[in-house]
């Protein structure tokens, strides 16, 4: 398995970790800076943007299953429901509460 596959597996298995980038860099034995530069070169987006998007995808799945917005916001690393709602709307075009209503 090459380093990029190892990185992607690590990211997917640890998406909720607080220090995900630092932990991933340590796992690969490289600096945070080198990891971020290499990721953007290989993937075409920044590592932080990738992590944010993956977390919002998972949040979307939970909201669609009826999970409460507040719990989902804090679970995926947002310090406020307002910040989560802005990020989620920018990502999906919908407010988190609208995704919950679609399920109903």
N, C-alpha and C. Protein backbone atom coordinates (compact mmCIF):
# COMPACT_ATOMS: atom_id res chain seq x y z
N UNK A 1 0.86 -1.18 0.00
CA UNK A 1 0.00 0.00 0.00
C UNK A 1 0.90 1.24 0.00
N UNK A 2 0.61 2.16 -0.88
CA UNK A 2 1.45 3.36 -0.91
C UNK A 2 1.03 4.35 0.18
N UNK A 3 1.85 5.37 0.37
CA UNK A 3 1.63 6.33 1.44
C UNK A 3 0.30 7.07 1.31
N UNK A 4 -0.12 7.39 0.07
CA UNK A 4 -1.38 8.12 -0.11
C UNK A 4 -2.57 7.24 0.32
N UNK A 5 -2.53 5.98 -0.04
CA UNK A 5 -3.60 5.07 0.38
C UNK A 5 -3.62 4.91 1.89
N UNK A 6 -2.44 4.82 2.50
CA UNK A 6 -2.33 4.74 3.95
C UNK A 6 -2.90 6.00 4.59
N UNK A 7 -2.58 7.15 4.03
CA UNK A 7 -3.11 8.41 4.53
C UNK A 7 -4.63 8.44 4.44
N UNK A 8 -5.17 8.07 3.30
CA UNK A 8 -6.63 8.13 3.11
C UNK A 8 -7.34 7.18 4.08
N UNK A 9 -6.79 6.02 4.28
CA UNK A 9 -7.37 5.07 5.23
C UNK A 9 -7.33 5.65 6.65
N UNK A 10 -6.19 6.25 7.00
CA UNK A 10 -6.05 6.86 8.32
C UNK A 10 -7.06 7.99 8.49
N UNK A 11 -7.20 8.85 7.49
CA UNK A 11 -8.15 9.96 7.58
C UNK A 11 -9.57 9.45 7.76
N UNK A 12 -9.96 8.48 6.96
CA UNK A 12 -11.33 7.96 7.05
C UNK A 12 -11.61 7.31 8.40
N UNK A 13 -10.62 6.66 8.97
CA UNK A 13 -10.80 5.99 10.25
C UNK A 13 -10.73 6.93 11.44
N UNK A 14 -10.27 8.16 11.21
CA UNK A 14 -10.06 9.10 12.32
C UNK A 14 -10.65 10.48 12.05
N UNK A 15 -11.68 10.56 11.25
CA UNK A 15 -12.23 11.86 10.83
C UNK A 15 -12.66 12.76 11.98
N UNK A 16 -12.99 12.18 13.11
CA UNK A 16 -13.48 12.99 14.22
C UNK A 16 -12.37 13.42 15.17
N UNK A 17 -11.14 13.01 14.91
CA UNK A 17 -10.02 13.38 15.79
C UNK A 17 -9.77 14.87 15.76
N UNK A 18 -9.42 15.44 16.90
CA UNK A 18 -9.16 16.87 17.00
C UNK A 18 -7.89 17.29 16.26
N UNK A 19 -6.85 16.52 16.36
CA UNK A 19 -5.56 16.86 15.76
C UNK A 19 -5.27 15.97 14.55
N UNK A 20 -6.23 15.83 13.69
CA UNK A 20 -6.16 14.87 12.61
C UNK A 20 -4.95 15.08 11.69
N UNK A 21 -4.69 16.30 11.29
CA UNK A 21 -3.58 16.56 10.37
C UNK A 21 -2.25 16.24 11.04
N UNK A 22 -2.07 16.68 12.26
CA UNK A 22 -0.82 16.40 12.99
C UNK A 22 -0.65 14.90 13.21
N UNK A 23 -1.73 14.22 13.56
CA UNK A 23 -1.67 12.78 13.78
C UNK A 23 -1.34 12.04 12.49
N UNK A 24 -1.93 12.48 11.38
CA UNK A 24 -1.67 11.84 10.09
C UNK A 24 -0.22 12.05 9.67
N UNK A 25 0.29 13.25 9.86
CA UNK A 25 1.69 13.54 9.52
C UNK A 25 2.63 12.67 10.34
N UNK A 26 2.32 12.56 11.62
CA UNK A 26 3.15 11.72 12.50
C UNK A 26 3.11 10.27 12.05
N UNK A 27 1.94 9.78 11.69
CA UNK A 27 1.79 8.40 11.22
C UNK A 27 2.66 8.14 9.99
N UNK A 28 2.74 9.14 9.10
CA UNK A 28 3.52 8.99 7.88
C UNK A 28 5.00 9.37 8.07
N UNK A 29 5.31 9.95 9.21
CA UNK A 29 6.69 10.33 9.49
C UNK A 29 7.16 11.55 8.71
N UNK A 30 6.23 12.48 8.47
CA UNK A 30 6.57 13.72 7.76
C UNK A 30 6.00 14.91 8.53
N UNK A 31 6.41 16.10 8.16
CA UNK A 31 5.89 17.30 8.83
C UNK A 31 4.48 17.61 8.36
N UNK A 32 3.76 18.36 9.18
CA UNK A 32 2.42 18.83 8.80
C UNK A 32 2.50 19.59 7.48
N UNK A 33 3.49 20.47 7.39
CA UNK A 33 3.67 21.29 6.19
C UNK A 33 3.84 20.42 4.94
N UNK A 34 4.71 19.43 5.02
CA UNK A 34 4.95 18.56 3.86
C UNK A 34 3.69 17.77 3.51
N UNK A 35 2.99 17.31 4.52
CA UNK A 35 1.75 16.56 4.28
C UNK A 35 0.73 17.43 3.55
N UNK A 36 0.54 18.65 4.03
CA UNK A 36 -0.43 19.56 3.40
C UNK A 36 -0.04 19.88 1.95
N UNK A 37 1.23 20.16 1.73
CA UNK A 37 1.70 20.49 0.37
C UNK A 37 1.56 19.30 -0.57
N UNK A 38 1.90 18.11 -0.10
CA UNK A 38 1.81 16.91 -0.92
C UNK A 38 0.35 16.58 -1.22
N UNK A 39 -0.51 16.72 -0.21
CA UNK A 39 -1.93 16.39 -0.40
C UNK A 39 -2.55 17.28 -1.47
N UNK A 40 -2.30 18.56 -1.40
CA UNK A 40 -2.90 19.47 -2.39
C UNK A 40 -2.36 19.17 -3.79
N UNK A 41 -1.12 18.76 -3.88
CA UNK A 41 -0.53 18.41 -5.18
C UNK A 41 -1.19 17.15 -5.74
N UNK A 42 -1.40 16.14 -4.90
CA UNK A 42 -1.95 14.86 -5.36
C UNK A 42 -3.47 14.93 -5.54
N UNK A 43 -4.17 15.55 -4.59
CA UNK A 43 -5.63 15.51 -4.59
C UNK A 43 -6.28 16.70 -5.28
N UNK A 44 -5.55 17.80 -5.40
CA UNK A 44 -6.12 18.98 -6.05
C UNK A 44 -6.93 19.87 -5.14
N UNK A 45 -7.08 19.50 -3.88
CA UNK A 45 -7.72 20.34 -2.87
C UNK A 45 -6.88 20.28 -1.61
N UNK A 46 -7.08 21.26 -0.74
CA UNK A 46 -6.30 21.26 0.50
C UNK A 46 -6.78 20.13 1.41
N UNK A 47 -5.88 19.70 2.26
CA UNK A 47 -6.21 18.64 3.21
C UNK A 47 -7.32 19.09 4.16
N UNK A 48 -7.25 20.32 4.62
CA UNK A 48 -8.28 20.81 5.53
C UNK A 48 -9.64 20.89 4.84
N UNK A 49 -9.65 21.26 3.56
CA UNK A 49 -10.92 21.29 2.81
C UNK A 49 -11.48 19.87 2.62
N UNK A 50 -10.59 18.92 2.36
CA UNK A 50 -11.02 17.52 2.23
C UNK A 50 -11.66 17.03 3.53
N UNK A 51 -10.98 17.30 4.64
CA UNK A 51 -11.49 16.85 5.94
C UNK A 51 -12.84 17.51 6.24
N UNK A 52 -12.93 18.80 5.99
CA UNK A 52 -14.19 19.53 6.22
C UNK A 52 -15.32 18.93 5.37
N UNK A 53 -15.03 18.66 4.11
CA UNK A 53 -16.05 18.10 3.21
C UNK A 53 -16.48 16.72 3.66
N UNK A 54 -15.53 15.87 4.03
CA UNK A 54 -15.87 14.51 4.48
C UNK A 54 -16.73 14.57 5.75
N UNK A 55 -16.38 15.47 6.66
CA UNK A 55 -17.17 15.59 7.88
C UNK A 55 -18.58 16.07 7.57
N UNK A 56 -18.72 17.00 6.63
CA UNK A 56 -20.05 17.49 6.27
C UNK A 56 -20.87 16.42 5.55
N UNK A 57 -20.22 15.57 4.78
CA UNK A 57 -20.93 14.45 4.14
C UNK A 57 -21.49 13.52 5.21
N UNK A 58 -20.68 13.19 6.19
CA UNK A 58 -21.15 12.33 7.28
C UNK A 58 -22.23 13.01 8.10
N UNK A 59 -22.08 14.31 8.34
CA UNK A 59 -23.10 15.06 9.06
C UNK A 59 -24.42 15.03 8.30
N UNK A 60 -24.34 15.17 6.98
CA UNK A 60 -25.54 15.12 6.14
C UNK A 60 -26.26 13.78 6.31
N UNK A 61 -25.50 12.70 6.32
CA UNK A 61 -26.11 11.37 6.48
C UNK A 61 -26.82 11.26 7.83
N UNK A 62 -26.19 11.79 8.87
CA UNK A 62 -26.82 11.72 10.19
C UNK A 62 -28.07 12.58 10.27
N UNK A 63 -28.00 13.78 9.69
CA UNK A 63 -29.17 14.65 9.69
C UNK A 63 -30.32 14.01 8.92
N UNK A 64 -30.01 13.39 7.80
CA UNK A 64 -31.04 12.73 7.00
C UNK A 64 -31.66 11.56 7.74
N UNK A 65 -30.93 11.02 8.72
CA UNK A 65 -31.45 9.93 9.54
C UNK A 65 -32.23 10.44 10.75
N UNK A 66 -32.30 11.76 10.88
CA UNK A 66 -33.09 12.35 11.96
C UNK A 66 -32.31 12.78 13.19
N UNK A 67 -30.99 12.76 13.14
CA UNK A 67 -30.18 13.18 14.28
C UNK A 67 -30.38 14.67 14.54
N UNK A 68 -30.33 15.09 15.81
CA UNK A 68 -30.52 16.51 16.14
C UNK A 68 -29.35 17.37 15.65
N UNK A 69 -29.68 18.55 15.14
CA UNK A 69 -28.68 19.46 14.57
C UNK A 69 -27.59 19.79 15.58
N UNK A 70 -27.97 20.10 16.80
CA UNK A 70 -26.98 20.49 17.81
C UNK A 70 -25.97 19.37 18.04
N UNK A 71 -26.43 18.17 18.22
CA UNK A 71 -25.54 17.03 18.45
C UNK A 71 -24.61 16.79 17.28
N UNK A 72 -25.13 16.90 16.07
CA UNK A 72 -24.33 16.69 14.87
C UNK A 72 -23.28 17.79 14.75
N UNK A 73 -23.67 19.02 15.00
CA UNK A 73 -22.74 20.15 14.90
C UNK A 73 -21.53 19.94 15.81
N UNK A 74 -21.77 19.60 17.05
CA UNK A 74 -20.67 19.43 18.00
C UNK A 74 -19.87 18.17 17.71
N UNK A 75 -20.54 17.11 17.29
CA UNK A 75 -19.83 15.87 16.96
C UNK A 75 -18.80 16.08 15.86
N UNK A 76 -19.13 16.91 14.88
CA UNK A 76 -18.25 17.11 13.74
C UNK A 76 -17.34 18.33 13.88
N UNK A 77 -17.16 18.79 15.12
CA UNK A 77 -16.12 19.76 15.41
C UNK A 77 -16.49 21.22 15.34
N UNK A 78 -17.78 21.53 15.26
CA UNK A 78 -18.18 22.93 15.23
C UNK A 78 -18.48 23.40 16.65
N UNK A 79 -18.08 24.64 16.95
CA UNK A 79 -18.26 25.19 18.30
C UNK A 79 -19.63 25.82 18.49
N UNK A 80 -20.37 25.99 17.41
CA UNK A 80 -21.71 26.56 17.52
C UNK A 80 -22.59 26.00 16.41
N UNK A 81 -23.88 25.99 16.67
CA UNK A 81 -24.84 25.55 15.67
C UNK A 81 -24.84 26.53 14.49
N UNK A 82 -24.65 27.81 14.79
CA UNK A 82 -24.65 28.82 13.73
C UNK A 82 -23.50 28.59 12.75
N UNK A 83 -22.31 28.33 13.28
CA UNK A 83 -21.15 28.07 12.42
C UNK A 83 -21.36 26.82 11.59
N UNK A 84 -21.90 25.79 12.22
CA UNK A 84 -22.20 24.55 11.49
C UNK A 84 -23.24 24.81 10.40
N UNK A 85 -24.27 25.54 10.72
CA UNK A 85 -25.34 25.81 9.75
C UNK A 85 -24.80 26.57 8.54
N UNK A 86 -23.93 27.55 8.77
CA UNK A 86 -23.33 28.30 7.66
C UNK A 86 -22.48 27.38 6.78
N UNK A 87 -21.64 26.59 7.41
CA UNK A 87 -20.77 25.67 6.66
C UNK A 87 -21.60 24.64 5.90
N UNK A 88 -22.63 24.12 6.55
CA UNK A 88 -23.48 23.10 5.93
C UNK A 88 -24.24 23.68 4.74
N UNK A 89 -24.79 24.88 4.90
CA UNK A 89 -25.51 25.51 3.80
C UNK A 89 -24.58 25.80 2.63
N UNK A 90 -23.38 26.26 2.92
CA UNK A 90 -22.39 26.52 1.86
C UNK A 90 -22.04 25.22 1.13
N UNK A 91 -21.96 24.13 1.87
CA UNK A 91 -21.61 22.82 1.32
C UNK A 91 -22.76 22.23 0.50
N UNK A 92 -23.97 22.26 1.06
CA UNK A 92 -25.07 21.51 0.45
C UNK A 92 -26.14 22.38 -0.22
N UNK A 93 -26.19 23.65 0.14
CA UNK A 93 -27.26 24.51 -0.37
C UNK A 93 -28.50 24.47 0.50
N UNK A 94 -28.47 23.67 1.55
CA UNK A 94 -29.61 23.52 2.46
C UNK A 94 -29.18 23.80 3.89
N UNK A 95 -30.10 24.26 4.69
CA UNK A 95 -29.86 24.35 6.12
C UNK A 95 -29.98 22.95 6.72
N UNK A 96 -29.29 22.67 7.81
CA UNK A 96 -29.40 21.34 8.42
C UNK A 96 -30.85 20.96 8.75
N UNK A 97 -31.62 21.91 9.22
CA UNK A 97 -33.02 21.62 9.57
C UNK A 97 -33.83 21.22 8.34
N UNK A 98 -33.47 21.74 7.17
CA UNK A 98 -34.17 21.37 5.94
C UNK A 98 -33.89 19.92 5.56
N UNK A 99 -32.67 19.47 5.82
CA UNK A 99 -32.31 18.08 5.52
C UNK A 99 -33.10 17.15 6.42
N UNK A 100 -33.27 17.53 7.67
CA UNK A 100 -34.08 16.71 8.59
C UNK A 100 -35.52 16.62 8.11
N UNK A 101 -36.06 17.73 7.60
CA UNK A 101 -37.46 17.75 7.14
C UNK A 101 -37.67 16.90 5.92
N UNK A 102 -36.64 16.77 5.08
CA UNK A 102 -36.77 15.93 3.88
C UNK A 102 -37.06 14.50 4.27
N UNK A 103 -36.48 14.06 5.38
CA UNK A 103 -36.67 12.69 5.86
C UNK A 103 -38.12 12.47 6.27
N UNK A 104 -38.72 13.49 6.85
CA UNK A 104 -40.09 13.38 7.39
C UNK A 104 -41.11 13.07 6.32
